[in-house]
Amino acid sequence: MLPVPQNDSRAPMNRPAATLSPGPLVLAGMILVAALTRVLPHPPNFSPVEAIALFGGAYFASRRWAAMVPLLAMLVSDVALGAMHGGGYASYLGGASFWSVYACTALSVVLGFGLRGRVSGARVLGYALAGSVIFFLVTNAAACFSNPIYPRNAQGIAAAYIAGIPFFRWTVLGTLFYSAALFGGFALLRRQVPALRAQTI
């Protein structure tokens, strides 16, 4: 049997074992933890919904994962809320309000793409406010068309928006709070972990 030449492609090579990059796991973990805070007591609409979407859109290199992870995290938290609150919450699942929240999450992921490589305090603030406005417009329009108390016309939409104004401040405050926690916390983490320092991971 002839010896295998050193440059033969069949020769054994000392290749490092493939490893999974920690970046996507860190992002997914942060998003899931933030989403699960929805089970804690909080003011109405004070939630991480827009913040996790912006955060995923800003940092996941894969746009597919940028959308899937926040949506799946939302679903996990909704299942947890359903288990906690029973039939009253189960009636929300799959309804118009439910789908409007998920639509807002997807839209804010796309909005978060604009932060890629350009994350700063001022930009995150602006995008968080824009995401809050999107959430207000979409979810209150859905409330108009799903709630029989509102007529299906301009007056009904206007009434739904007026009814939603008291909750809008909590949407803004929640989005700002969770955006500061996610983006700020990740910025601190990146200083300690070189593997997380790429613009997207």
C-alpha atoms as a PDB file:
ATOM      1  CA  MET A   1       0.000   0.000   0.000  1.00  0.00           C
ATOM      2  CA  LEU A   2       1.435   3.335  -1.065  1.00  0.00           C
ATOM      3  CA  PRO A   3       1.756   6.054   1.580  1.00  0.00           C
ATOM      4  CA  VAL A   4      -0.617   8.958   1.260  1.00  0.00           C
ATOM      5  CA  PRO A   5       1.235  12.097   0.063  1.00  0.00           C
ATOM      6  CA  GLN A   6       1.322  14.984   2.515  1.00  0.00           C
ATOM      7  CA  ASN A   7      -0.597  17.260   0.133  1.00  0.00           C
ATOM      8  CA  ASP A   8      -3.271  14.665  -0.711  1.00  0.00           C
ATOM      9  CA  SER A   9      -6.773  15.867   0.117  1.00  0.00           C
ATOM     10  CA  ARG A  10      -7.408  12.493   1.752  1.00  0.00           C
ATOM     11  CA  ALA A  11      -4.708  13.034   4.326  1.00  0.00           C
ATOM     12  CA  PRO A  12      -5.976  13.727   7.851  1.00  0.00           C
ATOM     13  CA  MET A  13      -5.839  17.374   8.803  1.00  0.00           C
ATOM     14  CA  ASN A  14      -5.920  19.072  12.176  1.00  0.00           C
ATOM     15  CA  ARG A  15      -9.053  21.162  11.693  1.00  0.00           C
ATOM     16  CA  PRO A  16     -10.603  23.018  14.607  1.00  0.00           C
ATOM     17  CA  ALA A  17     -14.036  21.749  15.547  1.00  0.00           C
ATOM     18  CA  ALA A  18     -16.870  23.928  14.311  1.00  0.00           C
ATOM     19  CA  THR A  19     -18.373  25.973  17.108  1.00  0.00           C
ATOM     20  CA  LEU A  20     -21.634  27.832  17.329  1.00  0.00           C
ATOM     21  CA  SER A  21     -21.160  31.557  17.567  1.00  0.00           C
ATOM     22  CA  PRO A  22     -22.323  32.840  20.958  1.00  0.00           C
ATOM     23  CA  GLY A  23     -23.719  36.061  19.492  1.00  0.00           C
ATOM     24  CA  PRO A  24     -27.117  34.816  18.243  1.00  0.00           C
ATOM     25  CA  LEU A  25     -27.613  32.826  21.445  1.00  0.00           C
ATOM     26  CA  VAL A  26     -26.940  35.897  23.573  1.00  0.00           C
ATOM     27  CA  LEU A  27     -29.367  37.989  21.505  1.00  0.00           C
ATOM     28  CA  ALA A  28     -32.048  35.292  21.646  1.00  0.00           C
ATOM     29  CA  GLY A  29     -31.604  34.879  25.390  1.00  0.00           C
ATOM     30  CA  MET A  30     -31.911  38.606  26.048  1.00  0.00           C
ATOM     31  CA  ILE A  31     -34.999  38.863  23.854  1.00  0.00           C
ATOM     32  CA  LEU A  32     -36.681  35.865  25.505  1.00  0.00           C
ATOM     33  CA  VAL A  33     -36.005  37.168  29.019  1.00  0.00           C
ATOM     34  CA  ALA A  34     -37.372  40.597  28.058  1.00  0.00           C
ATOM     35  CA  ALA A  35     -40.485  39.046  26.485  1.00  0.00           C
ATOM     36  CA  LEU A  36     -41.161  36.938  29.576  1.00  0.00           C
ATOM     37  CA  THR A  37     -41.310  40.053  31.745  1.00  0.00           C
ATOM     38  CA  ARG A  38     -44.812  40.423  30.306  1.00  0.00           C
ATOM     39  CA  VAL A  39     -45.939  37.917  32.945  1.00  0.00           C
ATOM     40  CA  LEU A  40     -44.897  40.335  35.717  1.00  0.00           C
ATOM     41  CA  PRO A  41     -47.325  42.964  37.034  1.00  0.00           C
ATOM     42  CA  HIS A  42     -47.082  46.132  34.942  1.00  0.00           C
ATOM     43  CA  PRO A  43     -49.178  49.116  33.825  1.00  0.00           C
ATOM     44  CA  PRO A  44     -51.324  48.546  30.705  1.00  0.00           C
ATOM     45  CA  ASN A  45     -49.203  48.601  27.526  1.00  0.00           C
ATOM     46  CA  PHE A  46     -45.933  48.931  29.463  1.00  0.00           C
ATOM     47  CA  SER A  47     -44.291  46.096  27.560  1.00  0.00           C
ATOM     48  CA  PRO A  48     -41.117  45.026  25.731  1.00  0.00           C
ATOM     49  CA  VAL A  49     -42.879  44.308  22.417  1.00  0.00           C
ATOM     50  CA  GLU A  50     -41.417  47.112  20.315  1.00  0.00           C
ATOM     51  CA  ALA A  51     -38.035  47.075  22.042  1.00  0.00           C
ATOM     52  CA  ILE A  52     -37.320  43.381  21.407  1.00  0.00           C
ATOM     53  CA  ALA A  53     -38.268  43.820  17.746  1.00  0.00           C
ATOM     54  CA  LEU A  54     -35.982  46.832  17.272  1.00  0.00           C
ATOM     55  CA  PHE A  55     -33.177  45.046  19.115  1.00  0.00           C
ATOM     56  CA  GLY A  56     -33.479  41.914  16.981  1.00  0.00           C
ATOM     57  CA  GLY A  57     -33.620  43.936  13.773  1.00  0.00           C
ATOM     58  CA  ALA A  58     -30.555  45.940  14.769  1.00  0.00           C
ATOM     59  CA  TYR A  59     -28.230  43.087  15.722  1.00  0.00           C
ATOM     60  CA  PHE A  60     -29.158  39.743  14.134  1.00  0.00           C
ATOM     61  CA  ALA A  61     -27.066  39.259  10.992  1.00  0.00           C
ATOM     62  CA  SER A  62     -29.766  36.949   9.617  1.00  0.00           C
ATOM     63  CA  ARG A  63     -32.908  38.898   8.808  1.00  0.00           C
ATOM     64  CA  ARG A  64     -34.896  35.690   9.109  1.00  0.00           C
ATOM     65  CA  TRP A  65     -33.727  35.199  12.693  1.00  0.00           C
ATOM     66  CA  ALA A  66     -34.213  38.904  13.380  1.00  0.00           C
ATOM     67  CA  ALA A  67     -37.919  38.385  12.722  1.00  0.00           C
ATOM     68  CA  MET A  68     -38.372  34.836  14.028  1.00  0.00           C
ATOM     69  CA  VAL A  69     -36.750  35.232  17.446  1.00  0.00           C
ATOM     70  CA  PRO A  70     -38.867  38.192  18.673  1.00  0.00           C
ATOM     71  CA  LEU A  71     -42.041  36.588  17.281  1.00  0.00           C
ATOM     72  CA  LEU A  72     -41.272  33.245  18.919  1.00  0.00           C
ATOM     73  CA  ALA A  73     -40.372  34.979  22.180  1.00  0.00           C
ATOM     74  CA  MET A  74     -43.712  36.771  22.042  1.00  0.00           C
ATOM     75  CA  LEU A  75     -45.491  33.466  21.437  1.00  0.00           C
ATOM     76  CA  VAL A  76     -43.743  31.839  24.411  1.00  0.00           C
ATOM     77  CA  SER A  77     -44.780  34.739  26.640  1.00  0.00           C
ATOM     78  CA  ASP A  78     -48.362  34.608  25.340  1.00  0.00           C
ATOM     79  CA  VAL A  79     -48.550  30.884  26.084  1.00  0.00           C
ATOM     80  CA  ALA A  80     -47.241  31.597  29.606  1.00  0.00           C
ATOM     81  CA  LEU A  81     -49.836  34.334  30.072  1.00  0.00           C
ATOM     82  CA  GLY A  82     -52.560  32.022  28.800  1.00  0.00           C
ATOM     83  CA  ALA A  83     -51.521  29.335  31.295  1.00  0.00           C
ATOM     84  CA  MET A  84     -51.567  31.898  34.107  1.00  0.00           C
ATOM     85  CA  HIS A  85     -54.866  33.587  33.283  1.00  0.00           C
ATOM     86  CA  GLY A  86     -56.848  30.752  31.738  1.00  0.00           C
ATOM     87  CA  GLY A  87     -59.850  31.179  29.462  1.00  0.00           C
ATOM     88  CA  GLY A  88     -60.016  34.960  29.742  1.00  0.00           C
ATOM     89  CA  TYR A  89     -56.627  35.324  28.101  1.00  0.00           C
ATOM     90  CA  ALA A  90     -57.139  32.385  25.756  1.00  0.00           C
ATOM     91  CA  SER A  91     -59.941  34.314  24.035  1.00  0.00           C
ATOM     92  CA  TYR A  92     -57.345  36.952  23.106  1.00  0.00           C
ATOM     93  CA  LEU A  93     -55.055  34.430  21.444  1.00  0.00           C
ATOM     94  CA  GLY A  94     -55.654  34.323  17.710  1.00  0.00           C
ATOM     95  CA  GLY A  95     -57.991  37.320  17.705  1.00  0.00           C
ATOM     96  CA  ALA A  96     -57.586  40.587  15.842  1.00  0.00           C
ATOM     97  CA  SER A  97     -55.774  42.281  18.733  1.00  0.00           C
ATOM     98  CA  PHE A  98     -53.369  39.344  18.981  1.00  0.00           C
ATOM     99  CA  TRP A  99     -52.492  39.505  15.287  1.00  0.00           C
ATOM    100  CA  SER A 100     -52.169  43.292  15.356  1.00  0.00           C
ATOM    101  CA  VAL A 101     -49.529  43.038  18.101  1.00  0.00           C
ATOM    102  CA  TYR A 102     -47.600  40.443  16.104  1.00  0.00           C
ATOM    103  CA  ALA A 103     -47.875  42.611  12.993  1.00  0.00           C
ATOM    104  CA  CYS A 104     -46.397  45.506  14.976  1.00  0.00           C
ATOM    105  CA  THR A 105     -43.573  43.251  16.121  1.00  0.00           C
ATOM    106  CA  ALA A 106     -42.746  42.302  12.531  1.00  0.00           C
ATOM    107  CA  LEU A 107     -42.957  45.924  11.360  1.00  0.00           C
ATOM    108  CA  SER A 108     -40.643  47.064  14.134  1.00  0.00           C
ATOM    109  CA  VAL A 109     -38.103  44.377  13.226  1.00  0.00           C
ATOM    110  CA  VAL A 110     -37.989  45.918   9.744  1.00  0.00           C
ATOM    111  CA  LEU A 111     -37.711  49.343  11.355  1.00  0.00           C
ATOM    112  CA  GLY A 112     -34.802  48.035  13.427  1.00  0.00           C
ATOM    113  CA  PHE A 113     -32.879  47.189  10.259  1.00  0.00           C
ATOM    114  CA  GLY A 114     -32.260  50.932   9.988  1.00  0.00           C
ATOM    115  CA  LEU A 115     -30.198  50.755  13.192  1.00  0.00           C
ATOM    116  CA  ARG A 116     -27.724  48.212  11.807  1.00  0.00           C
ATOM    117  CA  GLY A 117     -24.236  49.559  12.269  1.00  0.00           C
ATOM    118  CA  ARG A 118     -25.646  52.906  13.389  1.00  0.00           C
ATOM    119  CA  VAL A 119     -26.767  52.282  16.963  1.00  0.00           C
ATOM    120  CA  SER A 120     -26.518  55.351  19.186  1.00  0.00           C
ATOM    121  CA  GLY A 121     -28.538  56.684  22.073  1.00  0.00           C
ATOM    122  CA  ALA A 122     -30.232  59.320  19.941  1.00  0.00           C
ATOM    123  CA  ARG A 123     -31.074  56.859  17.155  1.00  0.00           C
ATOM    124  CA  VAL A 124     -32.476  54.266  19.556  1.00  0.00           C
ATOM    125  CA  LEU A 125     -34.605  56.984  21.156  1.00  0.00           C
ATOM    126  CA  GLY A 126     -35.980  58.066  17.772  1.00  0.00           C
ATOM    127  CA  TYR A 127     -36.672  54.528  16.610  1.00  0.00           C
ATOM    128  CA  ALA A 128     -38.302  53.635  19.926  1.00  0.00           C
ATOM    129  CA  LEU A 129     -40.670  56.585  19.574  1.00  0.00           C
ATOM    130  CA  ALA A 130     -41.418  55.613  15.960  1.00  0.00           C
ATOM    131  CA  GLY A 131     -42.122  52.023  17.030  1.00  0.00           C
ATOM    132  CA  SER A 132     -44.469  53.259  19.744  1.00  0.00           C
ATOM    133  CA  VAL A 133     -46.419  55.298  17.191  1.00  0.00           C
ATOM    134  CA  ILE A 134     -46.662  52.277  14.874  1.00  0.00           C
ATOM    135  CA  PHE A 135     -47.984  50.180  17.764  1.00  0.00           C
ATOM    136  CA  PHE A 136     -50.576  52.825  18.652  1.00  0.00           C
ATOM    137  CA  LEU A 137     -51.817  53.220  15.087  1.00  0.00           C
ATOM    138  CA  VAL A 138     -51.981  49.520  14.195  1.00  0.00           C
ATOM    139  CA  THR A 139     -53.429  48.106  17.412  1.00  0.00           C
ATOM    140  CA  ASN A 140     -56.093  50.775  17.800  1.00  0.00           C
ATOM    141  CA  ALA A 141     -57.168  50.382  14.175  1.00  0.00           C
ATOM    142  CA  ALA A 142     -57.488  46.646  14.834  1.00  0.00           C
ATOM    143  CA  ALA A 143     -59.556  47.387  17.944  1.00  0.00           C
ATOM    144  CA  CYS A 144     -61.940  49.446  15.832  1.00  0.00           C
ATOM    145  CA  PHE A 145     -62.549  46.642  13.350  1.00  0.00           C
ATOM    146  CA  SER A 146     -62.753  43.856  15.947  1.00  0.00           C
ATOM    147  CA  ASN A 147     -64.818  45.550  18.645  1.00  0.00           C
ATOM    148  CA  PRO A 148     -68.533  45.919  17.873  1.00  0.00           C
ATOM    149  CA  ILE A 149     -68.802  49.111  19.932  1.00  0.00           C
ATOM    150  CA  TYR A 150     -66.991  50.995  17.146  1.00  0.00           C
ATOM    151  CA  PRO A 151     -68.680  51.659  13.794  1.00  0.00           C
ATOM    152  CA  ARG A 152     -66.633  50.581  10.759  1.00  0.00           C
ATOM    153  CA  ASN A 153     -66.020  54.087   9.466  1.00  0.00           C
ATOM    154  CA  ALA A 154     -63.827  57.131  10.027  1.00  0.00           C
ATOM    155  CA  GLN A 155     -65.728  58.074  13.163  1.00  0.00           C
ATOM    156  CA  GLY A 156     -65.168  54.622  14.602  1.00  0.00           C
ATOM    157  CA  ILE A 157     -61.433  54.726  13.918  1.00  0.00           C
ATOM    158  CA  ALA A 158     -61.210  58.204  15.444  1.00  0.00           C
ATOM    159  CA  ALA A 159     -63.068  56.973  18.536  1.00  0.00           C
ATOM    160  CA  ALA A 160     -60.712  53.999  18.858  1.00  0.00           C
ATOM    161  CA  TYR A 161     -57.684  56.253  18.644  1.00  0.00           C
ATOM    162  CA  ILE A 162     -59.112  58.647  21.230  1.00  0.00           C
ATOM    163  CA  ALA A 163     -59.828  55.730  23.566  1.00  0.00           C
ATOM    164  CA  GLY A 164     -56.229  54.538  23.138  1.00  0.00           C
ATOM    165  CA  ILE A 165     -54.585  57.867  24.041  1.00  0.00           C
ATOM    166  CA  PRO A 166     -54.410  57.194  27.822  1.00  0.00           C
ATOM    167  CA  PHE A 167     -52.479  53.988  27.109  1.00  0.00           C
ATOM    168  CA  PHE A 168     -50.080  55.571  24.620  1.00  0.00           C
ATOM    169  CA  ARG A 169     -47.833  57.066  27.286  1.00  0.00           C
ATOM    170  CA  TRP A 170     -47.322  53.612  28.779  1.00  0.00           C
ATOM    171  CA  THR A 171     -46.456  52.249  25.344  1.00  0.00           C
ATOM    172  CA  VAL A 172     -43.816  54.963  24.967  1.00  0.00           C
ATOM    173  CA  LEU A 173     -42.439  54.524  28.488  1.00  0.00           C
ATOM    174  CA  GLY A 174     -42.321  50.741  28.159  1.00  0.00           C
ATOM    175  CA  THR A 175     -40.589  50.876  24.796  1.00  0.00           C
ATOM    176  CA  LEU A 176     -38.041  53.401  26.074  1.00  0.00           C
ATOM    177  CA  PHE A 177     -37.389  51.412  29.241  1.00  0.00           C
ATOM    178  CA  TYR A 178     -36.846  48.082  27.509  1.00  0.00           C
ATOM    179  CA  SER A 179     -34.865  49.658  24.665  1.00  0.00           C
ATOM    180  CA  ALA A 180     -32.510  51.220  27.224  1.00  0.00           C
ATOM    181  CA  ALA A 181     -32.204  47.881  29.035  1.00  0.00           C
ATOM    182  CA  LEU A 182     -31.558  45.820  25.893  1.00  0.00           C
ATOM    183  CA  PHE A 183     -29.379  48.170  23.871  1.00  0.00           C
ATOM    184  CA  GLY A 184     -27.588  49.548  26.934  1.00  0.00           C
ATOM    185  CA  GLY A 185     -27.069  46.130  28.493  1.00  0.00           C
ATOM    186  CA  PHE A 186     -25.762  44.704  25.235  1.00  0.00           C
ATOM    187  CA  ALA A 187     -23.368  47.640  24.804  1.00  0.00           C
ATOM    188  CA  LEU A 188     -21.892  46.911  28.234  1.00  0.00           C
ATOM    189  CA  LEU A 189     -21.672  43.197  27.456  1.00  0.00           C
ATOM    190  CA  ARG A 190     -19.852  43.844  24.171  1.00  0.00           C
ATOM    191  CA  ARG A 191     -17.090  45.655  26.032  1.00  0.00           C
ATOM    192  CA  GLN A 192     -16.352  42.458  27.941  1.00  0.00           C
ATOM    193  CA  VAL A 193     -16.878  39.894  25.149  1.00  0.00           C
ATOM    194  CA  PRO A 194     -14.936  40.528  21.903  1.00  0.00           C
ATOM    195  CA  ALA A 195     -17.043  37.964  19.995  1.00  0.00           C
ATOM    196  CA  LEU A 196     -20.051  40.266  20.332  1.00  0.00           C
ATOM    197  CA  ARG A 197     -18.428  43.376  18.897  1.00  0.00           C
ATOM    198  CA  ALA A 198     -19.381  42.915  15.236  1.00  0.00           C
ATOM    199  CA  GLN A 199     -22.055  45.268  13.889  1.00  0.00           C
ATOM    200  CA  THR A 200     -24.397  42.318  13.449  1.00  0.00           C
ATOM    201  CA  ILE A 201     -23.946  38.791  14.799  1.00  0.00           C
END
